Amino acid sequence: MIRGGGRRALVALLAVAAVAVSGCNDKSASGSGPVPDTGAGSVAGLPVTHFESGLKPDAPTPGVEVKNADGGEDDKLATAAIDDVQTYWAEMLPANFGEQFEPVKSLLSYDSQTDTEKTGCGSVKKLVNAFYCSVDDSVAWDRGVLLPMLRQRFGPMSVVVVLAHEFGHAVQFRLGDKAGISKSTPTVVKEQQADCFAGGYFRWVAEDKSKFYRVSTSEGLNQVMAAMFLIRDQAGTSGADRGAHGTAFDRTFAFQTGFEKGPKECAAMNDQNVKARLTERPFDKGDTGKGDAKFNDQAVDLLKKSLDEAFKGAGVAAPEIADGGSCQTTPPASYCPGDNTVSIDLAKLSDLAQPIDRQAEMQGEDPGGMGDFAAFSEVASRYALGIQKGVGASIDNANAGLRTACLVGAWAAFTNRPGDLRLSAGDLDEAIADLLLPDSLVSADVNGKRPDSGFDRVESLRRGYLEGSSVCSKQYA
């Protein structure tokens, strides 16, 4: 976050007051009928499931040929993924676009440490990547470094999502004008669309339509979301950069759109509607800390001021924030209903606020902290519990955590303007990094209990950020 930057306009999140006006048990938006079941018991309409995700024990032998495959575990995962995603698109292209599907012309497995094979897009020497090449209609992947790193850190479905994304580019090539993609289309739009196509495929797998794979909507999708977080663009990247793929916030948004709405919605992504909600931007000129501020007493004071201004529309007593405080139920930040305070452990939050070590993260090592906005978000989540309690909302039921994360997202949007504390490039990704941790507080209820599904936790924050706080009470009643 950035400190300073001018006088803040006193704009309240008036929709927070709607929690009190409409009542938290009202599941209908005014005049719009029932709100879809998107609470803690559902993942985009599917039940929350728990089982080991990956290749099915009775999965058939893939029927595709791969040049240079070594028969190892990662090649088996990749080959099955290609066969499977081609089956998916053989169904989806005719059903959604009236197009017959044609398999890609060639597949290549390589080891970036030793191999020098060439595709129509050049040599794979030292190329730690997976890619689609339209010149020769091929898909290639690095089995030497990339795929084993993903599998070992995030599980087998992380390999599958990377291949499903790359195959999304092959689908763009086949759809042509129906996907709205041309030579002038910005890279980030193409990448968002491919992420979306991957999400549509994963919905199909989650519905148990795949011959090869199965994925749980809790731990399985959590692995996928974590992998997408890892392959985000570096904070401070501009969405206009030639190689931009999107922040973790942008990429998970696109994936979730495909999962929830299907490939037609993905094909409708274009320069205009992607840029309208893209969060990827360079650091501000005055952001000398490159997105990270020290988490200290002064930062807490600025945070309290920001939260008070954002939530004053609720018309309830604002919680105080104190180092130490009267309770330590969910350290390093706890909401204490008895005296309406947020107790924090300043030292531990300061550790959490340390910048992410990107190099260590990519090497599978401890990345250190999660960034300053992770710490700000944890405290904001406990503050939001106090606001919810003040307007009569439950703070310890199944949906309280999702509603809380949603309100944190709405507050983040409020800070995205000049003021004493302002959202910086990379901040939303830091919130997502925290949300995907098993002990994150951002989507936890007053007792520290959080929904099992990382998909839901990320979506609730994203909806609050993009749609405002009214959706928090309507969707997570």
Protein backbone atom coordinates (compact mmCIF):
# COMPACT_ATOMS: atom_id res chain seq x y z
CA MET A 1 0.00 0.00 0.00
CA ILE A 2 0.99 3.63 -0.42
CA ARG A 3 0.92 6.19 2.36
CA GLY A 4 -0.10 9.74 1.59
CA GLY A 5 -1.34 11.06 -1.70
CA GLY A 6 -3.82 13.80 -0.91
CA ARG A 7 -7.10 14.36 0.87
CA ARG A 8 -9.50 11.43 0.73
CA ALA A 9 -13.04 11.97 -0.40
CA LEU A 10 -15.45 10.89 2.34
CA VAL A 11 -17.17 8.17 0.34
CA ALA A 12 -18.92 5.61 2.53
CA LEU A 13 -19.61 2.01 1.62
CA LEU A 14 -23.31 2.71 1.96
CA ALA A 15 -24.25 -0.80 0.94
CA VAL A 16 -22.83 -2.12 4.20
CA ALA A 17 -25.82 -0.47 5.81
CA ALA A 18 -27.96 -2.69 3.61
CA VAL A 19 -26.91 -5.56 5.83
CA ALA A 20 -28.90 -3.90 8.59
CA VAL A 21 -31.70 -2.64 6.36
CA SER A 22 -32.46 -5.82 4.44
CA GLY A 23 -31.43 -8.26 7.15
CA CYS A 24 -28.78 -10.91 6.78
CA ASN A 25 -31.33 -13.69 6.37
CA ASP A 26 -32.89 -12.11 3.28
CA LYS A 27 -31.58 -14.10 0.32
CA SER A 28 -33.25 -11.98 -2.34
CA ALA A 29 -31.98 -8.81 -3.93
CA SER A 30 -34.73 -6.26 -4.39
CA GLY A 31 -36.92 -7.32 -7.28
CA SER A 32 -34.41 -9.85 -8.61
CA GLY A 33 -35.72 -13.13 -7.19
CA PRO A 34 -33.67 -15.71 -5.30
CA VAL A 35 -29.93 -15.22 -5.11
CA PRO A 36 -27.95 -18.26 -6.39
CA ASP A 37 -26.52 -20.52 -3.70
CA THR A 38 -22.95 -19.28 -3.52
CA GLY A 39 -22.43 -19.74 0.20
CA ALA A 40 -20.00 -21.92 2.08
CA GLY A 41 -21.86 -25.13 1.18
CA SER A 42 -21.48 -24.67 -2.56
CA VAL A 43 -18.71 -24.05 -5.07
CA ALA A 44 -20.38 -22.31 -8.01
CA GLY A 45 -23.39 -24.57 -7.54
CA LEU A 46 -21.40 -27.76 -6.99
CA PRO A 47 -21.10 -29.46 -3.59
CA VAL A 48 -17.94 -29.02 -1.54
CA THR A 49 -16.06 -32.31 -1.97
CA HIS A 50 -12.98 -33.82 -0.35
CA PHE A 51 -10.90 -36.54 -2.01
CA GLU A 52 -7.50 -37.00 -3.62
CA SER A 53 -7.41 -35.21 -6.96
CA GLY A 54 -5.48 -36.47 -9.98
CA LEU A 55 -5.54 -39.32 -12.47
CA LYS A 56 -8.34 -41.79 -11.93
CA PRO A 57 -7.14 -45.31 -10.97
CA ASP A 58 -8.97 -46.72 -14.01
CA ALA A 59 -7.92 -43.98 -16.43
CA PRO A 60 -7.37 -45.30 -19.97
CA THR A 61 -4.12 -45.06 -21.88
CA PRO A 62 -4.02 -41.70 -23.69
CA GLY A 63 -4.60 -41.97 -27.42
CA VAL A 64 -2.27 -39.17 -28.49
CA GLU A 65 1.31 -39.32 -29.74
CA VAL A 66 3.93 -37.12 -28.09
CA LYS A 67 7.34 -36.54 -29.62
CA ASN A 68 10.29 -37.08 -27.26
CA ALA A 69 8.16 -38.26 -24.31
CA ASP A 70 10.13 -40.19 -21.69
CA GLY A 71 7.23 -42.04 -20.07
CA GLY A 72 7.79 -40.40 -16.69
CA GLU A 73 5.11 -39.20 -14.29
CA ASP A 74 4.95 -35.68 -15.65
CA ASP A 75 4.66 -36.80 -19.26
CA LYS A 76 1.88 -39.17 -18.24
CA LEU A 77 0.00 -36.31 -16.58
CA ALA A 78 0.55 -33.97 -19.53
CA THR A 79 -0.39 -36.54 -22.17
CA ALA A 80 -3.57 -37.51 -20.34
CA ALA A 81 -4.40 -33.82 -19.93
CA ILE A 82 -4.09 -33.18 -23.66
CA ASP A 83 -6.20 -36.22 -24.54
CA ASP A 84 -8.79 -35.17 -21.97
CA VAL A 85 -9.01 -31.51 -22.90
CA GLN A 86 -9.36 -32.48 -26.58
CA THR A 87 -12.33 -34.65 -25.61
CA TYR A 88 -13.81 -31.68 -23.76
CA TRP A 89 -13.44 -29.38 -26.75
CA ALA A 90 -14.77 -32.03 -29.14
CA GLU A 91 -18.00 -31.63 -27.15
CA MET A 92 -17.90 -27.90 -26.50
CA LEU A 93 -17.00 -26.48 -29.89
CA PRO A 94 -20.01 -27.96 -31.73
CA ALA A 95 -22.38 -27.34 -28.81
CA ASN A 96 -21.36 -23.74 -28.15
CA PHE A 97 -19.96 -22.44 -31.43
CA GLY A 98 -21.20 -24.77 -34.18
CA GLU A 99 -17.61 -25.72 -35.02
CA GLN A 100 -16.16 -29.19 -35.43
CA PHE A 101 -13.05 -29.79 -33.40
CA GLU A 102 -9.71 -30.80 -34.93
CA PRO A 103 -6.87 -32.10 -32.70
CA VAL A 104 -3.60 -30.19 -32.68
CA LYS A 105 -1.12 -31.39 -35.27
CA SER A 106 1.80 -32.16 -32.96
CA LEU A 107 2.81 -32.51 -29.32
CA LEU A 108 6.31 -32.14 -27.92
CA SER A 109 7.77 -33.02 -24.54
CA TYR A 110 11.24 -31.67 -23.77
CA ASP A 111 13.75 -31.15 -20.99
CA SER A 112 14.74 -27.50 -20.86
CA GLN A 113 18.04 -28.44 -19.23
CA THR A 114 19.31 -30.55 -22.12
CA ASP A 115 17.06 -30.55 -25.20
CA THR A 116 17.31 -28.32 -28.28
CA GLU A 117 14.30 -29.42 -30.36
CA LYS A 118 12.59 -26.80 -32.46
CA THR A 119 8.94 -25.98 -33.06
CA GLY A 120 7.52 -23.47 -35.50
CA CYS A 121 8.10 -20.88 -32.77
CA GLY A 122 11.80 -21.60 -32.22
CA SER A 123 14.12 -23.69 -30.08
CA VAL A 124 13.13 -25.04 -26.65
CA LYS A 125 16.69 -24.79 -25.34
CA LYS A 126 16.65 -23.46 -21.74
CA LEU A 127 12.93 -22.67 -22.13
CA VAL A 128 11.22 -23.40 -18.80
CA ASN A 129 7.69 -23.12 -20.13
CA ALA A 130 4.67 -24.72 -21.74
CA PHE A 131 3.25 -23.16 -24.88
CA TYR A 132 1.00 -23.38 -27.92
CA CYS A 133 2.56 -22.47 -31.27
CA SER A 134 0.07 -21.46 -33.96
CA VAL A 135 2.73 -21.58 -36.70
CA ASP A 136 2.77 -25.39 -36.68
CA ASP A 137 -0.33 -25.94 -34.47
CA SER A 138 1.65 -27.60 -31.70
CA VAL A 139 1.62 -27.80 -27.91
CA ALA A 140 4.91 -28.29 -26.05
CA TRP A 141 5.90 -28.56 -22.39
CA ASP A 142 9.02 -28.70 -20.27
CA ARG A 143 9.07 -32.00 -18.39
CA GLY A 144 12.53 -31.29 -17.00
CA VAL A 145 11.91 -28.27 -14.75
CA LEU A 146 8.43 -26.72 -15.04
CA LEU A 147 6.08 -29.67 -14.71
CA PRO A 148 7.89 -31.44 -11.86
CA MET A 149 8.17 -28.18 -9.95
CA LEU A 150 4.42 -27.59 -10.25
CA ARG A 151 3.49 -31.17 -9.41
CA GLN A 152 5.74 -31.38 -6.37
CA ARG A 153 4.52 -28.08 -4.94
CA PHE A 154 0.84 -28.08 -5.84
CA GLY A 155 -0.11 -31.60 -6.88
CA PRO A 156 -0.95 -33.18 -10.23
CA MET A 157 -3.84 -30.88 -11.15
CA SER A 158 -1.45 -27.94 -11.37
CA VAL A 159 0.14 -29.66 -14.37
CA VAL A 160 -3.29 -30.16 -15.88
CA VAL A 161 -4.33 -26.50 -15.55
CA VAL A 162 -1.16 -25.33 -17.32
CA LEU A 163 -1.84 -27.67 -20.26
CA ALA A 164 -5.53 -26.73 -20.31
CA HIS A 165 -4.51 -23.07 -20.50
CA GLU A 166 -2.13 -23.67 -23.39
CA PHE A 167 -4.77 -25.66 -25.21
CA GLY A 168 -7.05 -22.67 -24.74
CA HIS A 169 -4.80 -20.85 -27.18
CA ALA A 170 -5.28 -23.68 -29.69
CA VAL A 171 -9.03 -23.18 -29.29
CA GLN A 172 -8.64 -19.44 -29.97
CA PHE A 173 -6.81 -20.32 -33.18
CA ARG A 174 -9.63 -22.66 -34.21
CA LEU A 175 -12.45 -20.28 -33.36
CA GLY A 176 -10.94 -17.30 -35.14
CA ASP A 177 -13.47 -14.47 -35.33
CA LYS A 178 -15.82 -16.31 -32.97
CA ALA A 179 -13.28 -15.75 -30.21
CA GLY A 180 -12.73 -12.15 -31.28
CA ILE A 181 -8.98 -12.67 -31.44
CA SER A 182 -6.84 -10.98 -34.09
CA LYS A 183 -3.18 -10.04 -34.55
CA SER A 184 -3.88 -6.71 -32.88
CA THR A 185 -5.49 -8.23 -29.76
CA PRO A 186 -3.37 -7.45 -26.66
CA THR A 187 -1.57 -10.45 -25.18
CA VAL A 188 -3.25 -10.04 -21.81
CA VAL A 189 -6.69 -10.46 -23.42
CA LYS A 190 -5.59 -13.67 -25.13
CA GLU A 191 -4.18 -14.95 -21.84
CA GLN A 192 -7.30 -14.07 -19.87
CA GLN A 193 -9.41 -15.91 -22.40
CA ALA A 194 -7.17 -18.98 -22.23
CA ASP A 195 -7.38 -18.97 -18.42
CA CYS A 196 -11.16 -18.79 -18.78
CA PHE A 197 -11.22 -21.74 -21.20
CA ALA A 198 -9.18 -23.72 -18.66
CA GLY A 199 -11.78 -22.91 -16.02
CA GLY A 200 -14.56 -24.26 -18.25
CA TYR A 201 -12.65 -27.50 -18.68
CA PHE A 202 -12.13 -27.84 -14.92
CA ARG A 203 -15.87 -27.45 -14.35
CA TRP A 204 -16.37 -30.42 -16.67
CA VAL A 205 -13.82 -32.42 -14.67
CA ALA A 206 -15.42 -31.38 -11.36
CA GLU A 207 -18.75 -32.66 -12.72
CA ASP A 208 -17.03 -36.07 -13.17
CA LYS A 209 -17.29 -36.08 -16.95
CA SER A 210 -13.59 -36.76 -17.51
CA LYS A 211 -12.27 -40.25 -18.30
CA PHE A 212 -8.84 -39.37 -16.96
CA TYR A 213 -9.08 -36.97 -14.03
CA ARG A 214 -11.09 -36.09 -11.00
CA VAL A 215 -10.79 -32.92 -8.94
CA SER A 216 -12.34 -32.07 -5.58
CA THR A 217 -13.91 -28.67 -5.18
CA SER A 218 -11.95 -28.09 -1.97
CA GLU A 219 -8.33 -29.28 -1.85
CA GLY A 220 -8.18 -30.03 -5.59
CA LEU A 221 -9.29 -26.58 -6.74
CA ASN A 222 -7.16 -25.06 -3.97
CA GLN A 223 -4.09 -26.58 -5.65
CA VAL A 224 -5.15 -25.17 -9.00
CA MET A 225 -5.69 -21.69 -7.57
CA ALA A 226 -2.32 -21.79 -5.81
CA ALA A 227 -0.60 -22.77 -9.05
CA MET A 228 -2.27 -19.88 -10.87
CA PHE A 229 -1.08 -17.55 -8.13
CA LEU A 230 2.50 -18.72 -8.64
CA ILE A 231 2.49 -18.04 -12.38
CA ARG A 232 1.13 -14.50 -11.99
CA ASP A 233 2.96 -11.55 -13.49
CA GLN A 234 5.44 -9.68 -11.35
CA ALA A 235 3.85 -6.86 -9.34
CA GLY A 236 4.23 -3.56 -11.20
CA THR A 237 3.84 -5.11 -14.65
CA SER A 238 1.63 -3.10 -16.99
CA GLY A 239 -1.31 -4.84 -18.63
CA ALA A 240 -0.15 -3.14 -21.84
CA ASP A 241 3.20 -4.97 -21.79
CA ARG A 242 3.68 -7.29 -24.72
CA GLY A 243 4.09 -10.38 -22.55
CA ALA A 244 1.52 -9.54 -19.84
CA HIS A 245 -0.61 -12.48 -18.64
CA GLY A 246 -2.31 -10.82 -15.67
CA THR A 247 -2.03 -10.55 -11.93
CA ALA A 248 -3.14 -13.47 -9.76
CA PHE A 249 -6.36 -11.50 -9.13
CA ASP A 250 -6.94 -11.16 -12.89
CA ARG A 251 -6.00 -14.74 -13.73
CA THR A 252 -8.15 -16.33 -11.03
CA PHE A 253 -11.03 -14.05 -12.08
CA ALA A 254 -10.79 -15.40 -15.64
CA PHE A 255 -10.49 -19.02 -14.49
CA GLN A 256 -13.49 -18.68 -12.19
CA THR A 257 -15.53 -17.05 -14.96
CA GLY A 258 -14.96 -20.09 -17.16
CA PHE A 259 -15.72 -22.47 -14.31
CA GLU A 260 -18.97 -20.70 -13.48
CA LYS A 261 -20.24 -19.60 -16.90
CA GLY A 262 -18.60 -21.76 -19.56
CA PRO A 263 -16.75 -21.24 -22.85
CA LYS A 264 -19.23 -18.84 -24.48
CA GLU A 265 -18.53 -16.33 -21.74
CA CYS A 266 -14.80 -16.83 -22.32
CA ALA A 267 -15.08 -16.19 -26.05
CA ALA A 268 -16.90 -12.95 -25.25
CA MET A 269 -13.83 -11.59 -23.42
CA ASN A 270 -12.38 -8.76 -25.47
CA ASP A 271 -10.12 -5.76 -25.22
CA GLN A 272 -12.88 -3.53 -23.89
CA ASN A 273 -14.37 -5.69 -21.15
CA VAL A 274 -11.04 -7.15 -20.00
CA LYS A 275 -9.36 -3.77 -19.64
CA ALA A 276 -12.39 -2.44 -17.76
CA ARG A 277 -11.72 -4.79 -14.82
CA LEU A 278 -7.98 -5.51 -15.22
CA THR A 279 -6.00 -4.74 -12.05
CA GLU A 280 -2.55 -5.11 -13.63
CA ARG A 281 -0.79 -1.74 -13.65
CA PRO A 282 2.64 -0.23 -13.02
CA PHE A 283 3.67 1.14 -9.66
CA ASP A 284 2.70 4.75 -9.08
CA LYS A 285 5.51 7.29 -9.48
CA GLY A 286 5.36 8.12 -5.79
CA ASP A 287 5.44 4.49 -4.68
CA THR A 288 9.06 4.35 -3.52
CA GLY A 289 8.42 1.14 -1.59
CA LYS A 290 7.26 -0.69 -4.73
CA GLY A 291 3.96 -1.61 -3.16
CA ASP A 292 5.15 -2.42 0.34
CA ALA A 293 4.94 -0.16 3.40
CA LYS A 294 6.21 -0.95 6.89
CA PHE A 295 3.55 -2.36 9.18
CA ASN A 296 3.99 -0.31 12.35
CA ASP A 297 1.99 1.87 14.74
CA GLN A 298 1.69 4.62 12.15
CA ALA A 299 0.41 2.13 9.56
CA VAL A 300 -2.18 0.84 12.05
CA ASP A 301 -3.40 4.40 12.66
CA LEU A 302 -3.79 4.98 8.92
CA LEU A 303 -5.55 1.62 8.55
CA LYS A 304 -8.00 2.49 11.32
CA LYS A 305 -8.76 5.84 9.68
CA SER A 306 -9.32 4.17 6.32
CA LEU A 307 -11.62 1.51 7.76
CA ASP A 308 -13.61 4.06 9.76
CA GLU A 309 -14.21 6.15 6.66
CA ALA A 310 -15.07 3.15 4.50
CA PHE A 311 -17.60 1.62 6.90
CA LYS A 312 -19.17 4.72 8.44
CA GLY A 313 -22.26 4.21 6.28
CA ALA A 314 -23.19 1.22 8.44
CA GLY A 315 -24.04 3.62 11.28
CA VAL A 316 -22.59 1.47 14.05
CA ALA A 317 -19.77 1.90 16.56
CA ALA A 318 -16.41 1.29 14.92
CA PRO A 319 -14.10 -1.25 16.58
CA GLU A 320 -10.90 0.00 18.15
CA ILE A 321 -7.58 -1.60 17.15
CA ALA A 322 -5.03 -2.26 19.88
CA ASP A 323 -1.68 -4.05 20.08
CA GLY A 324 -2.20 -6.75 22.68
CA GLY A 325 -5.83 -6.02 23.43
CA SER A 326 -8.38 -7.93 25.45
CA CYS A 327 -8.42 -11.27 23.60
CA GLN A 328 -6.10 -13.36 21.46
CA THR A 329 -8.50 -15.91 20.01
CA THR A 330 -7.25 -15.87 16.39
CA PRO A 331 -3.72 -14.45 16.43
CA PRO A 332 -2.17 -12.38 14.98
CA ALA A 333 -5.47 -10.48 14.81
CA SER A 334 -8.64 -11.18 16.82
CA TYR A 335 -12.04 -9.58 17.07
CA CYS A 336 -13.21 -9.26 20.68
CA PRO A 337 -17.03 -8.97 20.75
CA GLY A 338 -17.10 -8.18 24.47
CA ASP A 339 -15.57 -4.72 24.09
CA ASN A 340 -15.75 -4.30 20.29
CA THR A 341 -11.98 -4.23 19.77
CA VAL A 342 -9.52 -5.81 17.37
CA SER A 343 -6.53 -7.20 19.24
CA ILE A 344 -3.38 -7.46 17.14
CA ASP A 345 0.13 -8.81 17.52
CA LEU A 346 2.06 -6.03 15.83
CA ALA A 347 5.33 -7.97 15.66
CA LYS A 348 3.79 -11.01 13.95
CA LEU A 349 1.81 -8.86 11.54
CA SER A 350 4.99 -6.99 10.71
CA ASP A 351 6.60 -10.32 9.79
CA LEU A 352 3.60 -11.22 7.63
CA ALA A 353 3.87 -7.82 5.93
CA GLN A 354 7.42 -8.42 4.70
CA PRO A 355 7.65 -8.46 0.88
CA ILE A 356 7.35 -11.79 -0.89
CA ASP A 357 10.74 -13.04 -2.03
CA ARG A 358 9.80 -13.84 -5.63
CA GLN A 359 13.03 -15.70 -6.38
CA ALA A 360 12.66 -17.93 -3.32
CA GLU A 361 8.99 -18.49 -4.16
CA MET A 362 9.80 -19.66 -7.70
CA GLN A 363 12.45 -22.03 -6.33
CA GLY A 364 10.03 -23.62 -3.90
CA GLU A 365 11.63 -22.03 -0.85
CA ASP A 366 10.05 -20.01 1.96
CA PRO A 367 9.10 -16.68 0.35
CA GLY A 368 9.23 -14.88 3.71
CA GLY A 369 6.26 -12.60 4.23
CA MET A 370 3.11 -12.25 2.18
CA GLY A 371 3.37 -8.48 1.65
CA ASP A 372 1.93 -5.52 3.51
CA PHE A 373 -1.59 -5.87 2.14
CA ALA A 374 -1.84 -9.40 3.54
CA ALA A 375 -1.32 -7.95 7.02
CA PHE A 376 -3.68 -5.03 6.36
CA SER A 377 -6.34 -7.47 5.09
CA GLU A 378 -6.13 -9.72 8.15
CA VAL A 379 -6.74 -6.77 10.45
CA ALA A 380 -9.45 -5.41 8.14
CA SER A 381 -11.23 -8.76 8.28
CA ARG A 382 -11.42 -8.65 12.08
CA TYR A 383 -12.62 -5.03 11.94
CA ALA A 384 -15.32 -6.07 9.42
CA LEU A 385 -16.57 -8.66 11.92
CA GLY A 386 -17.20 -5.81 14.35
CA ILE A 387 -19.23 -3.93 11.75
CA GLN A 388 -21.25 -7.05 10.98
CA LYS A 389 -21.94 -7.66 14.66
CA GLY A 390 -23.03 -4.03 15.00
CA VAL A 391 -25.70 -4.38 12.31
CA GLY A 392 -26.95 -7.68 13.70
CA ALA A 393 -25.27 -10.15 11.35
CA SER A 394 -24.03 -13.49 12.60
CA ILE A 395 -20.26 -13.65 12.87
CA ASP A 396 -19.87 -17.35 13.60
CA ASN A 397 -21.97 -19.20 11.02
CA ALA A 398 -20.93 -20.97 7.82
CA ASN A 399 -21.14 -17.87 5.62
CA ALA A 400 -19.63 -15.33 8.02
CA GLY A 401 -16.11 -15.92 6.72
CA LEU A 402 -17.09 -15.45 3.07
CA ARG A 403 -19.07 -12.32 3.90
CA THR A 404 -16.04 -11.01 5.78
CA ALA A 405 -13.68 -11.62 2.84
CA CYS A 406 -16.21 -9.94 0.57
CA LEU A 407 -16.24 -6.85 2.79
CA VAL A 408 -12.42 -6.80 2.80
CA GLY A 409 -12.61 -6.75 -1.00
CA ALA A 410 -15.09 -3.87 -0.90
CA TRP A 411 -12.79 -1.97 1.47
CA ALA A 412 -9.85 -2.63 -0.88
CA ALA A 413 -11.82 -1.01 -3.70
CA PHE A 414 -12.51 1.97 -1.43
CA THR A 415 -8.77 2.46 -0.90
CA ASN A 416 -8.11 2.42 -4.64
CA ARG A 417 -8.07 6.23 -4.83
CA PRO A 418 -5.92 9.06 -3.48
CA GLY A 419 -5.81 9.10 0.31
CA ASP A 420 -3.71 8.48 3.40
CA LEU A 421 -3.62 4.78 2.61
CA ARG A 422 -3.95 3.76 -1.01
CA LEU A 423 -4.06 0.43 -2.87
CA SER A 424 -0.84 -0.27 -4.75
CA ALA A 425 0.08 -2.53 -7.65
CA GLY A 426 0.37 -6.10 -6.36
CA ASP A 427 -1.73 -5.57 -3.23
CA LEU A 428 -4.70 -7.66 -4.36
CA ASP A 429 -2.35 -10.54 -5.15
CA GLU A 430 -1.01 -10.33 -1.60
CA ALA A 431 -4.57 -10.70 -0.31
CA ILE A 432 -5.07 -13.76 -2.51
CA ALA A 433 -1.78 -15.24 -1.31
CA ASP A 434 -3.06 -14.90 2.24
CA LEU A 435 -6.51 -16.28 1.38
CA LEU A 436 -4.97 -19.47 0.02
CA LEU A 437 -3.01 -20.14 3.21
CA PRO A 438 -4.53 -22.82 5.46
CA ASP A 439 -4.51 -20.44 8.45
CA SER A 440 -5.62 -17.23 6.71
CA LEU A 441 -7.93 -14.92 8.66
CA VAL A 442 -9.23 -12.91 5.71
CA SER A 443 -12.12 -15.35 5.13
CA ALA A 444 -12.42 -16.64 8.70
CA ASP A 445 -15.31 -16.19 11.11
CA VAL A 446 -14.83 -14.80 14.62
CA ASN A 447 -13.52 -18.18 15.80
CA GLY A 448 -11.01 -18.50 12.98
CA LYS A 449 -13.00 -21.06 11.01
CA ARG A 450 -12.78 -20.60 7.25
CA PRO A 451 -14.49 -22.28 4.26
CA ASP A 452 -12.67 -25.32 2.89
CA SER A 453 -12.80 -24.09 -0.67
CA GLY A 454 -10.07 -21.66 -1.71
CA PHE A 455 -12.13 -21.08 -4.87
CA ASP A 456 -14.92 -19.62 -2.72
CA ARG A 457 -12.55 -17.62 -0.54
CA VAL A 458 -10.94 -15.91 -3.52
CA GLU A 459 -14.26 -15.37 -5.26
CA SER A 460 -15.81 -13.67 -2.23
CA LEU A 461 -12.97 -11.14 -2.01
CA ARG A 462 -13.11 -10.56 -5.75
CA ARG A 463 -16.88 -9.99 -5.75
CA GLY A 464 -16.61 -7.44 -2.97
CA TYR A 465 -13.86 -5.62 -4.83
CA LEU A 466 -15.62 -5.54 -8.21
CA GLU A 467 -19.29 -5.37 -7.19
CA GLY A 468 -19.28 -3.48 -3.91
CA SER A 469 -20.38 -4.35 -0.40
CA SER A 470 -24.09 -4.87 -1.18
CA VAL A 471 -23.28 -8.22 -2.76
CA CYS A 472 -21.66 -9.36 0.50
CA SER A 473 -24.95 -9.42 2.41
CA LYS A 474 -26.98 -10.66 -0.55
CA GLN A 475 -24.77 -13.57 -1.56
CA TYR A 476 -23.38 -14.61 1.82
CA ALA A 477 -26.43 -14.27 4.02
